[in-house]
Amino acid sequence: MKITTVGDWQLARQLVSTAQKRVKDAADKAVLQEAQFYRTKILEGLRSRRPAISRA
């Protein structure tokens, strides 16, 4: 049986080999964005003398 490959296998190897780092970087970025969002809400609550949780 003969197998014929099509497509850019070098690119596929590169994408698969760097996937773990790219996923980790994306997750780190998402966590930092969420932390900044909640930090902003907490500061808004402190400035208005009302905790952000009481607005929910």
PDB file of N, CA and C in Angstrom:
ATOM      1  N   MET A   1       0.845  -1.165   0.000  1.00  0.00           N
ATOM      2  CA  MET A   1       0.000   0.000   0.000  1.00  0.00           C
ATOM      3  C   MET A   1       0.897   1.237   0.000  1.00  0.00           C
ATOM      4  N   LYS A   2       0.598   2.165  -0.858  1.00  0.00           N
ATOM      5  CA  LYS A   2       1.372   3.386  -0.961  1.00  0.00           C
ATOM      6  C   LYS A   2       0.599   4.537  -0.310  1.00  0.00           C
ATOM      7  N   ILE A   3       1.314   5.350   0.473  1.00  0.00           N
ATOM      8  CA  ILE A   3       0.708   6.511   1.120  1.00  0.00           C
ATOM      9  C   ILE A   3       1.259   7.764   0.466  1.00  0.00           C
ATOM     10  N   THR A   4       0.363   8.622   0.042  1.00  0.00           N
ATOM     11  CA  THR A   4       0.761   9.882  -0.574  1.00  0.00           C
ATOM     12  C   THR A   4       0.435  11.014   0.394  1.00  0.00           C
ATOM     13  N   THR A   5       1.430  11.822   0.674  1.00  0.00           N
ATOM     14  CA  THR A   5       1.196  12.964   1.564  1.00  0.00           C
ATOM     15  C   THR A   5       1.034  14.222   0.730  1.00  0.00           C
ATOM     16  N   VAL A   6       0.134  15.069   1.176  1.00  0.00           N
ATOM     17  CA  VAL A   6      -0.087  16.345   0.522  1.00  0.00           C
ATOM     18  C   VAL A   6      -0.050  17.436   1.575  1.00  0.00           C
ATOM     19  N   GLY A   7       0.307  18.612   1.164  1.00  0.00           N
ATOM     20  CA  GLY A   7       0.324  19.716   2.114  1.00  0.00           C
ATOM     21  C   GLY A   7       1.727  20.012   2.606  1.00  0.00           C
ATOM     22  N   ASP A   8       1.812  21.002   3.441  1.00  0.00           N
ATOM     23  CA  ASP A   8       3.089  21.483   3.966  1.00  0.00           C
ATOM     24  C   ASP A   8       3.390  20.782   5.290  1.00  0.00           C
ATOM     25  N   TRP A   9       4.078  19.670   5.237  1.00  0.00           N
ATOM     26  CA  TRP A   9       4.372  18.882   6.441  1.00  0.00           C
ATOM     27  C   TRP A   9       5.390  19.571   7.330  1.00  0.00           C
ATOM     28  N   GLN A  10       6.268  20.358   6.759  1.00  0.00           N
ATOM     29  CA  GLN A  10       7.234  21.112   7.577  1.00  0.00           C
ATOM     30  C   GLN A  10       6.483  22.114   8.455  1.00  0.00           C
ATOM     31  N   LEU A  11       5.511  22.799   7.882  1.00  0.00           N
ATOM     32  CA  LEU A  11       4.701  23.752   8.642  1.00  0.00           C
ATOM     33  C   LEU A  11       3.903  23.021   9.721  1.00  0.00           C
ATOM     34  N   ALA A  12       3.341  21.866   9.382  1.00  0.00           N
ATOM     35  CA  ALA A  12       2.583  21.085  10.362  1.00  0.00           C
ATOM     36  C   ALA A  12       3.472  20.690  11.534  1.00  0.00           C
ATOM     37  N   ARG A  13       4.690  20.235  11.253  1.00  0.00           N
ATOM     38  CA  ARG A  13       5.623  19.865  12.330  1.00  0.00           C
ATOM     39  C   ARG A  13       5.941  21.062  13.215  1.00  0.00           C
ATOM     40  N   GLN A  14       6.157  22.207  12.581  1.00  0.00           N
ATOM     41  CA  GLN A  14       6.480  23.418  13.331  1.00  0.00           C
ATOM     42  C   GLN A  14       5.308  23.829  14.232  1.00  0.00           C
ATOM     43  N   LEU A  15       4.100  23.799  13.701  1.00  0.00           N
ATOM     44  CA  LEU A  15       2.927  24.180  14.497  1.00  0.00           C
ATOM     45  C   LEU A  15       2.716  23.240  15.677  1.00  0.00           C
ATOM     46  N   VAL A  16       2.864  21.950  15.438  1.00  0.00           N
ATOM     47  CA  VAL A  16       2.663  20.982  16.516  1.00  0.00           C
ATOM     48  C   VAL A  16       3.764  21.106  17.571  1.00  0.00           C
ATOM     49  N   SER A  17       4.984  21.344  17.143  1.00  0.00           N
ATOM     50  CA  SER A  17       6.086  21.415  18.098  1.00  0.00           C
ATOM     51  C   SER A  17       6.027  22.665  18.972  1.00  0.00           C
ATOM     52  N   THR A  18       5.391  23.731  18.497  1.00  0.00           N
ATOM     53  CA  THR A  18       5.311  24.957  19.294  1.00  0.00           C
ATOM     54  C   THR A  18       3.939  25.153  19.940  1.00  0.00           C
ATOM     55  N   ALA A  19       3.049  24.217  19.758  1.00  0.00           N
ATOM     56  CA  ALA A  19       1.675  24.375  20.256  1.00  0.00           C
ATOM     57  C   ALA A  19       1.622  24.522  21.770  1.00  0.00           C
ATOM     58  N   GLN A  20       2.400  23.723  22.506  1.00  0.00           N
ATOM     59  CA  GLN A  20       2.340  23.763  23.962  1.00  0.00           C
ATOM     60  C   GLN A  20       2.708  25.156  24.486  1.00  0.00           C
ATOM     61  N   LYS A  21       3.765  25.745  23.952  1.00  0.00           N
ATOM     62  CA  LYS A  21       4.176  27.074  24.403  1.00  0.00           C
ATOM     63  C   LYS A  21       3.130  28.118  24.026  1.00  0.00           C
ATOM     64  N   ARG A  22       2.567  28.019  22.826  1.00  0.00           N
ATOM     65  CA  ARG A  22       1.570  29.001  22.398  1.00  0.00           C
ATOM     66  C   ARG A  22       0.309  28.925  23.249  1.00  0.00           C
ATOM     67  N   VAL A  23      -0.103  27.711  23.612  1.00  0.00           N
ATOM     68  CA  VAL A  23      -1.294  27.552  24.459  1.00  0.00           C
ATOM     69  C   VAL A  23      -1.022  28.110  25.855  1.00  0.00           C
ATOM     70  N   LYS A  24       0.160  27.820  26.397  1.00  0.00           N
ATOM     71  CA  LYS A  24       0.520  28.341  27.723  1.00  0.00           C
ATOM     72  C   LYS A  24       0.557  29.862  27.701  1.00  0.00           C
ATOM     73  N   ASP A  25       1.169  30.446  26.670  1.00  0.00           N
ATOM     74  CA  ASP A  25       1.224  31.904  26.559  1.00  0.00           C
ATOM     75  C   ASP A  25      -0.171  32.510  26.468  1.00  0.00           C
ATOM     76  N   ALA A  26      -1.055  31.882  25.706  1.00  0.00           N
ATOM     77  CA  ALA A  26      -2.429  32.381  25.572  1.00  0.00           C
ATOM     78  C   ALA A  26      -3.176  32.284  26.898  1.00  0.00           C
ATOM     79  N   ALA A  27      -2.983  31.192  27.630  1.00  0.00           N
ATOM     80  CA  ALA A  27      -3.646  31.035  28.924  1.00  0.00           C
ATOM     81  C   ALA A  27      -3.124  32.067  29.921  1.00  0.00           C
ATOM     82  N   ASP A  28      -1.821  32.294  29.928  1.00  0.00           N
ATOM     83  CA  ASP A  28      -1.244  33.306  30.816  1.00  0.00           C
ATOM     84  C   ASP A  28      -1.813  34.686  30.512  1.00  0.00           C
ATOM     85  N   LYS A  29      -1.920  35.007  29.233  1.00  0.00           N
ATOM     86  CA  LYS A  29      -2.464  36.303  28.831  1.00  0.00           C
ATOM     87  C   LYS A  29      -3.924  36.440  29.273  1.00  0.00           C
ATOM     88  N   ALA A  30      -4.703  35.374  29.113  1.00  0.00           N
ATOM     89  CA  ALA A  30      -6.116  35.415  29.503  1.00  0.00           C
ATOM     90  C   ALA A  30      -6.269  35.609  31.008  1.00  0.00           C
ATOM     91  N   VAL A  31      -5.446  34.929  31.786  1.00  0.00           N
ATOM     92  CA  VAL A  31      -5.515  35.069  33.248  1.00  0.00           C
ATOM     93  C   VAL A  31      -5.152  36.490  33.662  1.00  0.00           C
ATOM     94  N   LEU A  32      -4.119  37.054  33.044  1.00  0.00           N
ATOM     95  CA  LEU A  32      -3.742  38.433  33.364  1.00  0.00           C
ATOM     96  C   LEU A  32      -4.852  39.424  32.998  1.00  0.00           C
ATOM     97  N   GLN A  33      -5.522  39.187  31.870  1.00  0.00           N
ATOM     98  CA  GLN A  33      -6.627  40.072  31.479  1.00  0.00           C
ATOM     99  C   GLN A  33      -7.772  39.985  32.481  1.00  0.00           C
ATOM    100  N   GLU A  34      -8.081  38.777  32.936  1.00  0.00           N
ATOM    101  CA  GLU A  34      -9.146  38.625  33.929  1.00  0.00           C
ATOM    102  C   GLU A  34      -8.765  39.288  35.241  1.00  0.00           C
ATOM    103  N   ALA A  35      -7.517  39.106  35.656  1.00  0.00           N
ATOM    104  CA  ALA A  35      -7.055  39.718  36.899  1.00  0.00           C
ATOM    105  C   ALA A  35      -7.152  41.238  36.817  1.00  0.00           C
ATOM    106  N   GLN A  36      -6.767  41.801  35.687  1.00  0.00           N
ATOM    107  CA  GLN A  36      -6.846  43.256  35.521  1.00  0.00           C
ATOM    108  C   GLN A  36      -8.300  43.723  35.540  1.00  0.00           C
ATOM    109  N   PHE A  37      -9.192  42.956  34.920  1.00  0.00           N
ATOM    110  CA  PHE A  37     -10.615  43.303  34.917  1.00  0.00           C
ATOM    111  C   PHE A  37     -11.156  43.361  36.345  1.00  0.00           C
ATOM    112  N   TYR A  38     -10.869  42.316  37.134  1.00  0.00           N
ATOM    113  CA  TYR A  38     -11.385  42.282  38.507  1.00  0.00           C
ATOM    114  C   TYR A  38     -10.696  43.306  39.398  1.00  0.00           C
ATOM    115  N   ARG A  39      -9.426  43.577  39.151  1.00  0.00           N
ATOM    116  CA  ARG A  39      -8.729  44.622  39.906  1.00  0.00           C
ATOM    117  C   ARG A  39      -9.411  45.967  39.670  1.00  0.00           C
ATOM    118  N   THR A  40      -9.753  46.240  38.416  1.00  0.00           N
ATOM    119  CA  THR A  40     -10.433  47.490  38.078  1.00  0.00           C
ATOM    120  C   THR A  40     -11.781  47.581  38.790  1.00  0.00           C
ATOM    121  N   LYS A  41     -12.528  46.478  38.797  1.00  0.00           N
ATOM    122  CA  LYS A  41     -13.840  46.477  39.464  1.00  0.00           C
ATOM    123  C   LYS A  41     -13.689  46.702  40.961  1.00  0.00           C
ATOM    124  N   ILE A  42     -12.685  46.092  41.574  1.00  0.00           N
ATOM    125  CA  ILE A  42     -12.454  46.275  43.010  1.00  0.00           C
ATOM    126  C   ILE A  42     -12.109  47.726  43.308  1.00  0.00           C
ATOM    127  N   LEU A  43     -11.230  48.311  42.495  1.00  0.00           N
ATOM    128  CA  LEU A  43     -10.860  49.713  42.713  1.00  0.00           C
ATOM    129  C   LEU A  43     -12.050  50.639  42.517  1.00  0.00           C
ATOM    130  N   GLU A  44     -12.885  50.355  41.511  1.00  0.00           N
ATOM    131  CA  GLU A  44     -14.098  51.161  41.323  1.00  0.00           C
ATOM    132  C   GLU A  44     -14.983  51.076  42.562  1.00  0.00           C
ATOM    133  N   GLY A  45     -15.118  49.879  43.126  1.00  0.00           N
ATOM    134  CA  GLY A  45     -15.926  49.708  44.325  1.00  0.00           C
ATOM    135  C   GLY A  45     -15.363  50.457  45.508  1.00  0.00           C
ATOM    136  N   LEU A  46     -14.054  50.411  45.662  1.00  0.00           N
ATOM    137  CA  LEU A  46     -13.427  51.125  46.774  1.00  0.00           C
ATOM    138  C   LEU A  46     -13.576  52.630  46.616  1.00  0.00           C
ATOM    139  N   ARG A  47     -13.439  53.102  45.397  1.00  0.00           N
ATOM    140  CA  ARG A  47     -13.564  54.546  45.159  1.00  0.00           C
ATOM    141  C   ARG A  47     -14.990  55.036  45.372  1.00  0.00           C
ATOM    142  N   SER A  48     -15.966  54.216  45.072  1.00  0.00           N
ATOM    143  CA  SER A  48     -17.360  54.623  45.246  1.00  0.00           C
ATOM    144  C   SER A  48     -17.887  54.236  46.625  1.00  0.00           C
ATOM    145  N   ARG A  49     -17.027  53.667  47.446  1.00  0.00           N
ATOM    146  CA  ARG A  49     -17.372  53.236  48.806  1.00  0.00           C
ATOM    147  C   ARG A  49     -18.394  52.110  48.835  1.00  0.00           C
ATOM    148  N   ARG A  50     -18.522  51.413  47.677  1.00  0.00           N
ATOM    149  CA  ARG A  50     -19.418  50.247  47.610  1.00  0.00           C
ATOM    150  C   ARG A  50     -18.633  49.100  46.994  1.00  0.00           C
ATOM    151  N   PRO A  51     -18.558  47.979  47.667  1.00  0.00           N
ATOM    152  CA  PRO A  51     -17.854  46.837  47.075  1.00  0.00           C
ATOM    153  C   PRO A  51     -18.509  46.400  45.771  1.00  0.00           C
ATOM    154  N   ALA A  52     -17.720  45.944  44.829  1.00  0.00           N
ATOM    155  CA  ALA A  52     -18.230  45.529  43.510  1.00  0.00           C
ATOM    156  C   ALA A  52     -19.215  44.374  43.628  1.00  0.00           C
ATOM    157  N   ILE A  53     -19.089  43.534  44.631  1.00  0.00           N
ATOM    158  CA  ILE A  53     -19.965  42.374  44.786  1.00  0.00           C
ATOM    159  C   ILE A  53     -21.386  42.813  45.108  1.00  0.00           C
ATOM    160  N   SER A  54     -21.563  43.921  45.802  1.00  0.00           N
ATOM    161  CA  SER A  54     -22.921  44.346  46.173  1.00  0.00           C
ATOM    162  C   SER A  54     -23.718  44.837  44.964  1.00  0.00           C
ATOM    163  N   ARG A  55     -23.063  45.062  43.841  1.00  0.00           N
ATOM    164  CA  ARG A  55     -23.752  45.517  42.639  1.00  0.00           C
ATOM    165  C   ARG A  55     -24.349  44.358  41.859  1.00  0.00           C
ATOM    166  N   ALA A  56     -23.931  43.167  42.123  1.00  0.00           N
ATOM    167  CA  ALA A  56     -24.362  42.010  41.334  1.00  0.00           C
ATOM    168  C   ALA A  56     -25.811  41.702  41.504  1.00  0.00           C
TER     169      ALA A  56
END
